[in-house]
Amino acid sequence: TNRVYVDYNDEYYVAPERHPAIESNTAYYPSELPVVYPNPFNPEKAIGKVLKIDNLVPGSEVQIYTLSGEIVASISAGSGIKVVWDGKNRYGSKVSSGIYLYVIKNSKKNYIGKIFVVKE
């Protein structure tokens, strides 16, 4: 298979594929940090009305907390590498504007970060 590349001057060239695809049954574990977006998060304006947490190790668990330590939501990635949060608490109510903490736990490492929820 060949690939066509176009540069910013609208010039293009065809590059032959150098290496054929290799199929593998080996599990892939991302080496990069998890990505949380959009952050700040506006549930009414975000694409799909969800916050995405991507680049997870399969089997990761994500918990979202208020700053006072109350659990807001708990989401499992299962065998995937991405989860979404709709901005609602575990009872189905929309959360208020503010700062929330996320905790990502997996077999490799734990991560903690902030989510900024903003509403107009």
PDB file of N, CA and C in Angstrom:
ATOM      1  N   THR A   1       0.844  -1.178   0.000  1.00  0.00           N
ATOM      2  CA  THR A   1       0.000   0.000   0.000  1.00  0.00           C
ATOM      3  C   THR A   1       0.886   1.238   0.000  1.00  0.00           C
ATOM      4  N   ASN A   2       0.538   2.204  -0.800  1.00  0.00           N
ATOM      5  CA  ASN A   2       1.265   3.469  -0.831  1.00  0.00           C
ATOM      6  C   ASN A   2       0.485   4.528  -0.079  1.00  0.00           C
ATOM      7  N   ARG A   3       1.183   5.531   0.404  1.00  0.00           N
ATOM      8  CA  ARG A   3       0.548   6.642   1.104  1.00  0.00           C
ATOM      9  C   ARG A   3       0.857   7.928   0.363  1.00  0.00           C
ATOM     10  N   VAL A   4      -0.128   8.810   0.300  1.00  0.00           N
ATOM     11  CA  VAL A   4       0.047  10.108  -0.344  1.00  0.00           C
ATOM     12  C   VAL A   4       0.125  11.155   0.749  1.00  0.00           C
ATOM     13  N   TYR A   5       1.124  12.021   0.683  1.00  0.00           N
ATOM     14  CA  TYR A   5       1.301  13.097   1.644  1.00  0.00           C
ATOM     15  C   TYR A   5       1.185  14.428   0.918  1.00  0.00           C
ATOM     16  N   VAL A   6       0.500  15.388   1.539  1.00  0.00           N
ATOM     17  CA  VAL A   6       0.352  16.725   0.971  1.00  0.00           C
ATOM     18  C   VAL A   6       0.927  17.702   1.979  1.00  0.00           C
ATOM     19  N   ASP A   7       1.831  18.593   1.520  1.00  0.00           N
ATOM     20  CA  ASP A   7       2.391  19.571   2.449  1.00  0.00           C
ATOM     21  C   ASP A   7       1.598  20.872   2.364  1.00  0.00           C
ATOM     22  N   TYR A   8       2.000  21.870   3.142  1.00  0.00           N
ATOM     23  CA  TYR A   8       1.241  23.115   3.225  1.00  0.00           C
ATOM     24  C   TYR A   8       1.290  23.938   1.944  1.00  0.00           C
ATOM     25  N   ASN A   9       2.140  23.624   1.000  1.00  0.00           N
ATOM     26  CA  ASN A   9       2.184  24.316  -0.295  1.00  0.00           C
ATOM     27  C   ASN A   9       1.378  23.571  -1.350  1.00  0.00           C
ATOM     28  N   ASP A  10       0.562  22.622  -0.918  1.00  0.00           N
ATOM     29  CA  ASP A  10      -0.252  21.791  -1.807  1.00  0.00           C
ATOM     30  C   ASP A  10       0.580  20.915  -2.736  1.00  0.00           C
ATOM     31  N   GLU A  11       1.839  20.699  -2.398  1.00  0.00           N
ATOM     32  CA  GLU A  11       2.651  19.753  -3.143  1.00  0.00           C
ATOM     33  C   GLU A  11       2.437  18.382  -2.515  1.00  0.00           C
ATOM     34  N   TYR A  12       2.491  17.354  -3.315  1.00  0.00           N
ATOM     35  CA  TYR A  12       2.271  16.025  -2.774  1.00  0.00           C
ATOM     36  C   TYR A  12       3.319  15.052  -3.308  1.00  0.00           C
ATOM     37  N   TYR A  13       3.451  13.962  -2.592  1.00  0.00           N
ATOM     38  CA  TYR A  13       4.328  12.893  -3.043  1.00  0.00           C
ATOM     39  C   TYR A  13       3.762  11.567  -2.556  1.00  0.00           C
ATOM     40  N   VAL A  14       4.137  10.501  -3.212  1.00  0.00           N
ATOM     41  CA  VAL A  14       3.672   9.168  -2.865  1.00  0.00           C
ATOM     42  C   VAL A  14       4.833   8.425  -2.224  1.00  0.00           C
ATOM     43  N   ALA A  15       4.589   7.886  -1.056  1.00  0.00           N
ATOM     44  CA  ALA A  15       5.632   7.144  -0.343  1.00  0.00           C
ATOM     45  C   ALA A  15       5.185   5.690  -0.209  1.00  0.00           C
ATOM     46  N   PRO A  16       5.998   4.762  -0.644  1.00  0.00           N
ATOM     47  CA  PRO A  16       5.629   3.353  -0.484  1.00  0.00           C
ATOM     48  C   PRO A  16       5.681   2.964   0.990  1.00  0.00           C
ATOM     49  N   GLU A  17       4.796   2.082   1.371  1.00  0.00           N
ATOM     50  CA  GLU A  17       4.808   1.595   2.742  1.00  0.00           C
ATOM     51  C   GLU A  17       6.034   0.727   2.926  1.00  0.00           C
ATOM     52  N   ARG A  18       6.791   1.004   3.955  1.00  0.00           N
ATOM     53  CA  ARG A  18       8.064   0.302   4.147  1.00  0.00           C
ATOM     54  C   ARG A  18       7.906  -1.006   4.909  1.00  0.00           C
ATOM     55  N   HIS A  19       6.930  -1.034   5.800  1.00  0.00           N
ATOM     56  CA  HIS A  19       6.774  -2.217   6.633  1.00  0.00           C
ATOM     57  C   HIS A  19       5.328  -2.683   6.575  1.00  0.00           C
ATOM     58  N   PRO A  20       5.103  -3.943   6.323  1.00  0.00           N
ATOM     59  CA  PRO A  20       3.726  -4.439   6.316  1.00  0.00           C
ATOM     60  C   PRO A  20       3.168  -4.462   7.739  1.00  0.00           C
ATOM     61  N   ALA A  21       1.855  -4.395   7.845  1.00  0.00           N
ATOM     62  CA  ALA A  21       1.204  -4.453   9.156  1.00  0.00           C
ATOM     63  C   ALA A  21       1.446  -5.818   9.785  1.00  0.00           C
ATOM     64  N   ILE A  22       1.593  -5.819  11.092  1.00  0.00           N
ATOM     65  CA  ILE A  22       1.818  -7.060  11.826  1.00  0.00           C
ATOM     66  C   ILE A  22       0.684  -7.222  12.823  1.00  0.00           C
ATOM     67  N   GLU A  23       0.021  -8.348  12.787  1.00  0.00           N
ATOM     68  CA  GLU A  23      -1.031  -8.615  13.750  1.00  0.00           C
ATOM     69  C   GLU A  23      -0.411  -9.232  14.994  1.00  0.00           C
ATOM     70  N   SER A  24      -0.991  -8.881  16.140  1.00  0.00           N
ATOM     71  CA  SER A  24      -0.446  -9.376  17.394  1.00  0.00           C
ATOM     72  C   SER A  24      -1.572  -9.590  18.389  1.00  0.00           C
ATOM     73  N   ASN A  25      -1.432 -10.562  19.243  1.00  0.00           N
ATOM     74  CA  ASN A  25      -2.381 -10.789  20.324  1.00  0.00           C
ATOM     75  C   ASN A  25      -1.891 -10.179  21.628  1.00  0.00           C
ATOM     76  N   THR A  26      -0.795  -9.442  21.568  1.00  0.00           N
ATOM     77  CA  THR A  26      -0.228  -8.825  22.755  1.00  0.00           C
ATOM     78  C   THR A  26      -1.057  -7.615  23.160  1.00  0.00           C
ATOM     79  N   ALA A  27      -1.377  -7.504  24.442  1.00  0.00           N
ATOM     80  CA  ALA A  27      -2.145  -6.356  24.931  1.00  0.00           C
ATOM     81  C   ALA A  27      -1.297  -5.096  24.855  1.00  0.00           C
ATOM     82  N   TYR A  28      -1.925  -3.991  24.534  1.00  0.00           N
ATOM     83  CA  TYR A  28      -1.240  -2.705  24.443  1.00  0.00           C
ATOM     84  C   TYR A  28      -1.527  -1.892  25.693  1.00  0.00           C
ATOM     85  N   TYR A  29      -0.472  -1.460  26.355  1.00  0.00           N
ATOM     86  CA  TYR A  29      -0.614  -0.590  27.513  1.00  0.00           C
ATOM     87  C   TYR A  29       0.032   0.743  27.185  1.00  0.00           C
ATOM     88  N   PRO A  30      -0.754   1.814  27.185  1.00  0.00           N
ATOM     89  CA  PRO A  30      -0.215   3.121  26.810  1.00  0.00           C
ATOM     90  C   PRO A  30       0.934   3.537  27.719  1.00  0.00           C
ATOM     91  N   SER A  31       1.930   4.149  27.138  1.00  0.00           N
ATOM     92  CA  SER A  31       3.054   4.633  27.930  1.00  0.00           C
ATOM     93  C   SER A  31       2.878   6.098  28.290  1.00  0.00           C
ATOM     94  N   GLU A  32       1.908   6.749  27.679  1.00  0.00           N
ATOM     95  CA  GLU A  32       1.664   8.160  27.943  1.00  0.00           C
ATOM     96  C   GLU A  32       0.708   8.305  29.124  1.00  0.00           C
ATOM     97  N   LEU A  33       0.628   9.515  29.638  1.00  0.00           N
ATOM     98  CA  LEU A  33      -0.314   9.813  30.710  1.00  0.00           C
ATOM     99  C   LEU A  33      -1.740   9.812  30.181  1.00  0.00           C
ATOM    100  N   PRO A  34      -2.721   9.572  31.047  1.00  0.00           N
ATOM    101  CA  PRO A  34      -4.117   9.696  30.619  1.00  0.00           C
ATOM    102  C   PRO A  34      -4.403  11.126  30.148  1.00  0.00           C
ATOM    103  N   VAL A  35      -5.333  11.247  29.217  1.00  0.00           N
ATOM    104  CA  VAL A  35      -5.708  12.544  28.664  1.00  0.00           C
ATOM    105  C   VAL A  35      -7.156  12.821  29.050  1.00  0.00           C
ATOM    106  N   VAL A  36      -7.400  13.970  29.695  1.00  0.00           N
ATOM    107  CA  VAL A  36      -8.735  14.362  30.137  1.00  0.00           C
ATOM    108  C   VAL A  36      -9.132  15.600  29.344  1.00  0.00           C
ATOM    109  N   TYR A  37     -10.238  15.513  28.577  1.00  0.00           N
ATOM    110  CA  TYR A  37     -10.638  16.642  27.733  1.00  0.00           C
ATOM    111  C   TYR A  37     -12.133  16.617  27.468  1.00  0.00           C
ATOM    112  N   PRO A  38     -12.767  17.762  27.224  1.00  0.00           N
ATOM    113  CA  PRO A  38     -12.208  19.107  27.376  1.00  0.00           C
ATOM    114  C   PRO A  38     -12.118  19.460  28.857  1.00  0.00           C
ATOM    115  N   ASN A  39     -11.158  20.226  29.208  1.00  0.00           N
ATOM    116  CA  ASN A  39     -10.957  20.647  30.591  1.00  0.00           C
ATOM    117  C   ASN A  39     -10.426  22.071  30.561  1.00  0.00           C
ATOM    118  N   PRO A  40     -11.242  23.070  30.888  1.00  0.00           N
ATOM    119  CA  PRO A  40     -12.520  23.042  31.586  1.00  0.00           C
ATOM    120  C   PRO A  40     -13.629  22.376  30.759  1.00  0.00           C
ATOM    121  N   PHE A  41     -14.602  21.809  31.494  1.00  0.00           N
ATOM    122  CA  PHE A  41     -15.680  21.026  30.904  1.00  0.00           C
ATOM    123  C   PHE A  41     -17.008  21.726  31.117  1.00  0.00           C
ATOM    124  N   ASN A  42     -17.686  22.049  30.020  1.00  0.00           N
ATOM    125  CA  ASN A  42     -19.046  22.579  30.075  1.00  0.00           C
ATOM    126  C   ASN A  42     -19.946  21.507  29.474  1.00  0.00           C
ATOM    127  N   PRO A  43     -20.737  20.819  30.299  1.00  0.00           N
ATOM    128  CA  PRO A  43     -21.546  19.704  29.802  1.00  0.00           C
ATOM    129  C   PRO A  43     -22.509  20.082  28.674  1.00  0.00           C
ATOM    130  N   GLU A  44     -22.920  21.343  28.612  1.00  0.00           N
ATOM    131  CA  GLU A  44     -23.862  21.762  27.574  1.00  0.00           C
ATOM    132  C   GLU A  44     -23.174  22.064  26.250  1.00  0.00           C
ATOM    133  N   LYS A  45     -21.890  22.378  26.269  1.00  0.00           N
ATOM    134  CA  LYS A  45     -21.197  22.789  25.050  1.00  0.00           C
ATOM    135  C   LYS A  45     -20.171  21.779  24.547  1.00  0.00           C
ATOM    136  N   ALA A  46     -19.817  20.810  25.353  1.00  0.00           N
ATOM    137  CA  ALA A  46     -18.814  19.815  24.945  1.00  0.00           C
ATOM    138  C   ALA A  46     -19.383  18.920  23.848  1.00  0.00           C
ATOM    139  N   ILE A  47     -18.525  18.493  22.940  1.00  0.00           N
ATOM    140  CA  ILE A  47     -18.945  17.579  21.875  1.00  0.00           C
ATOM    141  C   ILE A  47     -19.459  16.292  22.520  1.00  0.00           C
ATOM    142  N   GLY A  48     -20.668  15.919  22.177  1.00  0.00           N
ATOM    143  CA  GLY A  48     -21.278  14.733  22.766  1.00  0.00           C
ATOM    144  C   GLY A  48     -21.766  14.957  24.182  1.00  0.00           C
ATOM    145  N   LYS A  49     -21.589  16.177  24.701  1.00  0.00           N
ATOM    146  CA  LYS A  49     -21.987  16.550  26.068  1.00  0.00           C
ATOM    147  C   LYS A  49     -21.322  15.672  27.125  1.00  0.00           C
ATOM    148  N   VAL A  50     -20.087  15.222  26.826  1.00  0.00           N
ATOM    149  CA  VAL A  50     -19.364  14.381  27.777  1.00  0.00           C
ATOM    150  C   VAL A  50     -17.912  14.825  27.905  1.00  0.00           C
ATOM    151  N   LEU A  51     -17.327  14.514  29.052  1.00  0.00           N
ATOM    152  CA  LEU A  51     -15.895  14.667  29.289  1.00  0.00           C
ATOM    153  C   LEU A  51     -15.268  13.319  28.951  1.00  0.00           C
ATOM    154  N   LYS A  52     -14.169  13.332  28.231  1.00  0.00           N
ATOM    155  CA  LYS A  52     -13.512  12.090  27.832  1.00  0.00           C
ATOM    156  C   LYS A  52     -12.213  11.913  28.619  1.00  0.00           C
ATOM    157  N   ILE A  53     -11.970  10.707  29.055  1.00  0.00           N
ATOM    158  CA  ILE A  53     -10.704  10.352  29.686  1.00  0.00           C
ATOM    159  C   ILE A  53     -10.144   9.224  28.835  1.00  0.00           C
ATOM    160  N   ASP A  54      -9.055   9.525  28.143  1.00  0.00           N
ATOM    161  CA  ASP A  54      -8.524   8.641  27.111  1.00  0.00           C
ATOM    162  C   ASP A  54      -7.114   8.188  27.481  1.00  0.00           C
ATOM    163  N   ASN A  55      -6.626   7.220  26.750  1.00  0.00           N
ATOM    164  CA  ASN A  55      -5.269   6.691  26.911  1.00  0.00           C
ATOM    165  C   ASN A  55      -5.106   5.960  28.245  1.00  0.00           C
ATOM    166  N   LEU A  56      -6.129   5.206  28.611  1.00  0.00           N
ATOM    167  CA  LEU A  56      -6.109   4.450  29.862  1.00  0.00           C
ATOM    168  C   LEU A  56      -5.556   3.048  29.639  1.00  0.00           C
ATOM    169  N   VAL A  57      -5.041   2.466  30.679  1.00  0.00           N
ATOM    170  CA  VAL A  57      -4.680   1.051  30.668  1.00  0.00           C
ATOM    171  C   VAL A  57      -5.992   0.268  30.768  1.00  0.00           C
ATOM    172  N   PRO A  58      -6.217  -0.746  29.918  1.00  0.00           N
ATOM    173  CA  PRO A  58      -7.445  -1.537  30.042  1.00  0.00           C
ATOM    174  C   PRO A  58      -7.624  -2.037  31.472  1.00  0.00           C
ATOM    175  N   GLY A  59      -8.858  -1.978  31.948  1.00  0.00           N
ATOM    176  CA  GLY A  59      -9.156  -2.375  33.318  1.00  0.00           C
ATOM    177  C   GLY A  59      -9.081  -1.234  34.312  1.00  0.00           C
ATOM    178  N   SER A  60      -8.793  -0.026  33.843  1.00  0.00           N
ATOM    179  CA  SER A  60      -8.700   1.129  34.738  1.00  0.00           C
ATOM    180  C   SER A  60     -10.052   1.452  35.358  1.00  0.00           C
ATOM    181  N   GLU A  61      -9.999   1.962  36.572  1.00  0.00           N
ATOM    182  CA  GLU A  61     -11.180   2.470  37.271  1.00  0.00           C
ATOM    183  C   GLU A  61     -10.989   3.963  37.455  1.00  0.00           C
ATOM    184  N   VAL A  62     -12.025   4.744  37.169  1.00  0.00           N
ATOM    185  CA  VAL A  62     -11.965   6.197  37.314  1.00  0.00           C
ATOM    186  C   VAL A  62     -13.016   6.614  38.332  1.00  0.00           C
ATOM    187  N   GLN A  63     -12.588   7.338  39.353  1.00  0.00           N
ATOM    188  CA  GLN A  63     -13.514   7.912  40.323  1.00  0.00           C
ATOM    189  C   GLN A  63     -13.408   9.426  40.247  1.00  0.00           C
ATOM    190  N   ILE A  64     -14.549  10.091  40.380  1.00  0.00           N
ATOM    191  CA  ILE A  64     -14.595  11.547  40.392  1.00  0.00           C
ATOM    192  C   ILE A  64     -15.147  11.958  41.744  1.00  0.00           C
ATOM    193  N   TYR A  65     -14.453  12.920  42.390  1.00  0.00           N
ATOM    194  CA  TYR A  65     -14.795  13.358  43.737  1.00  0.00           C
ATOM    195  C   TYR A  65     -14.979  14.869  43.781  1.00  0.00           C
ATOM    196  N   THR A  66     -15.769  15.327  44.770  1.00  0.00           N
ATOM    197  CA  THR A  66     -15.795  16.748  45.088  1.00  0.00           C
ATOM    198  C   THR A  66     -14.525  17.056  45.869  1.00  0.00           C
ATOM    199  N   LEU A  67     -14.229  18.338  46.044  1.00  0.00           N
ATOM    200  CA  LEU A  67     -13.040  18.699  46.830  1.00  0.00           C
ATOM    201  C   LEU A  67     -13.182  18.299  48.295  1.00  0.00           C
ATOM    202  N   SER A  68     -14.424  18.115  48.764  1.00  0.00           N
ATOM    203  CA  SER A  68     -14.622  17.690  50.150  1.00  0.00           C
ATOM    204  C   SER A  68     -14.501  16.173  50.305  1.00  0.00           C
ATOM    205  N   GLY A  69     -14.273  15.448  49.199  1.00  0.00           N
ATOM    206  CA  GLY A  69     -14.038  14.011  49.271  1.00  0.00           C
ATOM    207  C   GLY A  69     -15.250  13.148  48.991  1.00  0.00           C
ATOM    208  N   GLU A  70     -16.390  13.753  48.666  1.00  0.00           N
ATOM    209  CA  GLU A  70     -17.592  12.976  48.355  1.00  0.00           C
ATOM    210  C   GLU A  70     -17.472  12.393  46.947  1.00  0.00           C
ATOM    211  N   ILE A  71     -17.754  11.103  46.813  1.00  0.00           N
ATOM    212  CA  ILE A  71     -17.665  10.490  45.489  1.00  0.00           C
ATOM    213  C   ILE A  71     -18.835  10.958  44.631  1.00  0.00           C
ATOM    214  N   VAL A  72     -18.520  11.370  43.420  1.00  0.00           N
ATOM    215  CA  VAL A  72     -19.520  11.866  42.478  1.00  0.00           C
ATOM    216  C   VAL A  72     -19.875  10.775  41.475  1.00  0.00           C
ATOM    217  N   ALA A  73     -18.863  10.127  40.914  1.00  0.00           N
ATOM    218  CA  ALA A  73     -19.095   9.099  39.897  1.00  0.00           C
ATOM    219  C   ALA A  73     -17.963   8.086  39.934  1.00  0.00           C
ATOM    220  N   SER A  74     -18.277   6.873  39.527  1.00  0.00           N
ATOM    221  CA  SER A  74     -17.290   5.808  39.414  1.00  0.00           C
ATOM    222  C   SER A  74     -17.512   5.137  38.066  1.00  0.00           C
ATOM    223  N   ILE A  75     -16.453   5.077  37.249  1.00  0.00           N
ATOM    224  CA  ILE A  75     -16.566   4.576  35.880  1.00  0.00           C
ATOM    225  C   ILE A  75     -15.461   3.550  35.644  1.00  0.00           C
ATOM    226  N   SER A  76     -15.814   2.441  35.021  1.00  0.00           N
ATOM    227  CA  SER A  76     -14.832   1.404  34.702  1.00  0.00           C
ATOM    228  C   SER A  76     -14.539   1.416  33.208  1.00  0.00           C
ATOM    229  N   ALA A  77     -13.262   1.333  32.860  1.00  0.00           N
ATOM    230  CA  ALA A  77     -12.873   1.278  31.449  1.00  0.00           C
ATOM    231  C   ALA A  77     -13.077  -0.115  30.870  1.00  0.00           C
ATOM    232  N   GLY A  78     -13.250  -1.112  31.724  1.00  0.00           N
ATOM    233  CA  GLY A  78     -13.388  -2.476  31.221  1.00  0.00           C
ATOM    234  C   GLY A  78     -12.169  -2.850  30.393  1.00  0.00           C
ATOM    235  N   SER A  79     -12.397  -3.388  29.209  1.00  0.00           N
ATOM    236  CA  SER A  79     -11.272  -3.763  28.352  1.00  0.00           C
ATOM    237  C   SER A  79     -10.864  -2.631  27.418  1.00  0.00           C
ATOM    238  N   GLY A  80     -11.534  -1.474  27.513  1.00  0.00           N
ATOM    239  CA  GLY A  80     -11.221  -0.338  26.641  1.00  0.00           C
ATOM    240  C   GLY A  80     -10.142   0.553  27.219  1.00  0.00           C
ATOM    241  N   ILE A  81      -9.823   1.616  26.473  1.00  0.00           N
ATOM    242  CA  ILE A  81      -8.810   2.575  26.924  1.00  0.00           C
ATOM    243  C   ILE A  81      -9.396   3.973  27.063  1.00  0.00           C
ATOM    244  N   LYS A  82     -10.742   4.084  27.051  1.00  0.00           N
ATOM    245  CA  LYS A  82     -11.387   5.386  27.143  1.00  0.00           C
ATOM    246  C   LYS A  82     -12.673   5.261  27.949  1.00  0.00           C
ATOM    247  N   VAL A  83     -12.959   6.287  28.765  1.00  0.00           N
ATOM    248  CA  VAL A  83     -14.250   6.385  29.437  1.00  0.00           C
ATOM    249  C   VAL A  83     -14.796   7.781  29.194  1.00  0.00           C
ATOM    250  N   VAL A  84     -16.098   7.943  29.403  1.00  0.00           N
ATOM    251  CA  VAL A  84     -16.719   9.260  29.292  1.00  0.00           C
ATOM    252  C   VAL A  84     -17.537   9.524  30.551  1.00  0.00           C
ATOM    253  N   TRP A  85     -17.645  10.813  30.899  1.00  0.00           N
ATOM    254  CA  TRP A  85     -18.457  11.243  32.041  1.00  0.00           C
ATOM    255  C   TRP A  85     -19.400  12.314  31.546  1.00  0.00           C
ATOM    256  N   ASP A  86     -20.675  12.161  31.851  1.00  0.00           N
ATOM    257  CA  ASP A  86     -21.696  13.083  31.367  1.00  0.00           C
ATOM    258  C   ASP A  86     -21.929  14.291  32.271  1.00  0.00           C
ATOM    259  N   GLY A  87     -21.126  14.458  33.296  1.00  0.00           N
ATOM    260  CA  GLY A  87     -21.284  15.601  34.192  1.00  0.00           C
ATOM    261  C   GLY A  87     -22.383  15.408  35.220  1.00  0.00           C
ATOM    262  N   LYS A  88     -22.785  14.146  35.425  1.00  0.00           N
ATOM    263  CA  LYS A  88     -23.831  13.850  36.408  1.00  0.00           C
ATOM    264  C   LYS A  88     -23.241  13.040  37.553  1.00  0.00           C
ATOM    265  N   ASN A  89     -23.882  13.173  38.714  1.00  0.00           N
ATOM    266  CA  ASN A  89     -23.419  12.402  39.866  1.00  0.00           C
ATOM    267  C   ASN A  89     -23.992  10.991  39.809  1.00  0.00           C
ATOM    268  N   ARG A  90     -23.693  10.200  40.806  1.00  0.00           N
ATOM    269  CA  ARG A  90     -24.121   8.793  40.788  1.00  0.00           C
ATOM    270  C   ARG A  90     -25.628   8.625  40.948  1.00  0.00           C
ATOM    271  N   TYR A  91     -26.337   9.737  41.256  1.00  0.00           N
ATOM    272  CA  TYR A  91     -27.796   9.696  41.359  1.00  0.00           C
ATOM    273  C   TYR A  91     -28.473  10.222  40.096  1.00  0.00           C
ATOM    274  N   GLY A  92     -27.672  10.618  39.096  1.00  0.00           N
ATOM    275  CA  GLY A  92     -28.227  11.089  37.834  1.00  0.00           C
ATOM    276  C   GLY A  92     -28.476  12.580  37.752  1.00  0.00           C
ATOM    277  N   SER A  93     -28.084  13.337  38.785  1.00  0.00           N
ATOM    278  CA  SER A  93     -28.267  14.794  38.777  1.00  0.00           C
ATOM    279  C   SER A  93     -27.025  15.475  38.229  1.00  0.00           C
ATOM    280  N   LYS A  94     -27.229  16.592  37.515  1.00  0.00           N
ATOM    281  CA  LYS A  94     -26.096  17.356  36.990  1.00  0.00           C
ATOM    282  C   LYS A  94     -25.309  17.964  38.142  1.00  0.00           C
ATOM    283  N   VAL A  95     -23.988  17.925  38.041  1.00  0.00           N
ATOM    284  CA  VAL A  95     -23.152  18.512  39.088  1.00  0.00           C
ATOM    285  C   VAL A  95     -23.091  20.024  38.908  1.00  0.00           C
ATOM    286  N   SER A  96     -22.731  20.710  39.968  1.00  0.00           N
ATOM    287  CA  SER A  96     -22.587  22.164  39.939  1.00  0.00           C
ATOM    288  C   SER A  96     -21.252  22.553  39.337  1.00  0.00           C
ATOM    289  N   SER A  97     -21.136  23.824  38.957  1.00  0.00           N
ATOM    290  CA  SER A  97     -19.838  24.350  38.528  1.00  0.00           C
ATOM    291  C   SER A  97     -18.860  24.225  39.678  1.00  0.00           C
ATOM    292  N   GLY A  98     -17.606  23.986  39.366  1.00  0.00           N
ATOM    293  CA  GLY A  98     -16.601  23.894  40.411  1.00  0.00           C
ATOM    294  C   GLY A  98     -15.441  23.011  40.004  1.00  0.00           C
ATOM    295  N   ILE A  99     -14.588  22.753  40.975  1.00  0.00           N
ATOM    296  CA  ILE A  99     -13.408  21.923  40.761  1.00  0.00           C
ATOM    297  C   ILE A  99     -13.690  20.537  41.334  1.00  0.00           C
ATOM    298  N   TYR A 100     -13.401  19.531  40.543  1.00  0.00           N
ATOM    299  CA  TYR A 100     -13.573  18.141  40.951  1.00  0.00           C
ATOM    300  C   TYR A 100     -12.237  17.425  40.780  1.00  0.00           C
ATOM    301  N   LEU A 101     -12.042  16.380  41.546  1.00  0.00           N
ATOM    302  CA  LEU A 101     -10.821  15.581  41.440  1.00  0.00           C
ATOM    303  C   LEU A 101     -11.148  14.265  40.751  1.00  0.00           C
ATOM    304  N   TYR A 102     -10.244  13.821  39.882  1.00  0.00           N
ATOM    305  CA  TYR A 102     -10.396  12.480  39.319  1.00  0.00           C
ATOM    306  C   TYR A 102      -9.241  11.625  39.825  1.00  0.00           C
ATOM    307  N   VAL A 103      -9.544  10.365  40.078  1.00  0.00           N
ATOM    308  CA  VAL A 103      -8.543   9.387  40.492  1.00  0.00           C
ATOM    309  C   VAL A 103      -8.655   8.220  39.518  1.00  0.00           C
ATOM    310  N   ILE A 104      -7.550   7.907  38.865  1.00  0.00           N
ATOM    311  CA  ILE A 104      -7.506   6.787  37.930  1.00  0.00           C
ATOM    312  C   ILE A 104      -6.636   5.707  38.562  1.00  0.00           C
ATOM    313  N   LYS A 105      -7.219   4.537  38.744  1.00  0.00           N
ATOM    314  CA  LYS A 105      -6.487   3.413  39.328  1.00  0.00           C
ATOM    315  C   LYS A 105      -6.405   2.300  38.296  1.00  0.00           C
ATOM    316  N   ASN A 106      -5.205   1.737  38.141  1.00  0.00           N
ATOM    317  CA  ASN A 106      -5.041   0.593  37.247  1.00  0.00           C
ATOM    318  C   ASN A 106      -3.916  -0.286  37.773  1.00  0.00           C
ATOM    319  N   SER A 107      -3.605  -1.324  37.037  1.00  0.00           N
ATOM    320  CA  SER A 107      -2.587  -2.276  37.480  1.00  0.00           C
ATOM    321  C   SER A 107      -1.175  -1.708  37.415  1.00  0.00           C
ATOM    322  N   LYS A 108      -0.996  -0.593  36.735  1.00  0.00           N
ATOM    323  CA  LYS A 108       0.335  -0.009  36.565  1.00  0.00           C
ATOM    324  C   LYS A 108       0.617   1.128  37.539  1.00  0.00           C
ATOM    325  N   LYS A 109      -0.355   2.048  37.695  1.00  0.00           N
ATOM    326  CA  LYS A 109      -0.108   3.268  38.456  1.00  0.00           C
ATOM    327  C   LYS A 109      -1.428   3.947  38.771  1.00  0.00           C
ATOM    328  N   ASN A 110      -1.413   4.853  39.743  1.00  0.00           N
ATOM    329  CA  ASN A 110      -2.573   5.676  40.050  1.00  0.00           C
ATOM    330  C   ASN A 110      -2.287   7.111  39.631  1.00  0.00           C
ATOM    331  N   TYR A 111      -3.309   7.788  39.131  1.00  0.00           N
ATOM    332  CA  TYR A 111      -3.184   9.181  38.707  1.00  0.00           C
ATOM    333  C   TYR A 111      -4.262  10.003  39.392  1.00  0.00           C
ATOM    334  N   ILE A 112      -3.920  11.238  39.745  1.00  0.00           N
ATOM    335  CA  ILE A 112      -4.872  12.169  40.343  1.00  0.00           C
ATOM    336  C   ILE A 112      -4.775  13.478  39.580  1.00  0.00           C
ATOM    337  N   GLY A 113      -5.922  14.088  39.317  1.00  0.00           N
ATOM    338  CA  GLY A 113      -5.930  15.367  38.618  1.00  0.00           C
ATOM    339  C   GLY A 113      -7.206  16.131  38.912  1.00  0.00           C
ATOM    340  N   LYS A 114      -7.320  17.310  38.314  1.00  0.00           N
ATOM    341  CA  LYS A 114      -8.472  18.181  38.527  1.00  0.00           C
ATOM    342  C   LYS A 114      -9.291  18.302  37.252  1.00  0.00           C
ATOM    343  N   ILE A 115     -10.600  18.398  37.442  1.00  0.00           N
ATOM    344  CA  ILE A 115     -11.533  18.694  36.359  1.00  0.00           C
ATOM    345  C   ILE A 115     -12.237  19.986  36.750  1.00  0.00           C
ATOM    346  N   PHE A 116     -12.276  20.927  35.837  1.00  0.00           N
ATOM    347  CA  PHE A 116     -12.969  22.186  36.069  1.00  0.00           C
ATOM    348  C   PHE A 116     -14.295  22.135  35.323  1.00  0.00           C
ATOM    349  N   VAL A 117     -15.401  22.118  36.068  1.00  0.00           N
ATOM    350  CA  VAL A 117     -16.729  22.119  35.454  1.00  0.00           C
ATOM    351  C   VAL A 117     -17.225  23.555  35.461  1.00  0.00           C
ATOM    352  N   VAL A 118     -17.571  24.064  34.278  1.00  0.00           N
ATOM    353  CA  VAL A 118     -18.063  25.444  34.162  1.00  0.00           C
ATOM    354  C   VAL A 118     -19.405  25.432  33.449  1.00  0.00           C
ATOM    355  N   LYS A 119     -20.313  26.249  33.954  1.00  0.00           N
ATOM    356  CA  LYS A 119     -21.627  26.408  33.329  1.00  0.00           C
ATOM    357  C   LYS A 119     -21.896  27.895  33.215  1.00  0.00           C
ATOM    358  N   GLU A 120     -22.710  28.248  32.251  1.00  0.00           N
ATOM    359  CA  GLU A 120     -23.022  29.669  32.061  1.00  0.00           C
ATOM    360  C   GLU A 120     -24.222  30.076  32.862  1.00  0.00           C
TER     361      GLU A 120
END
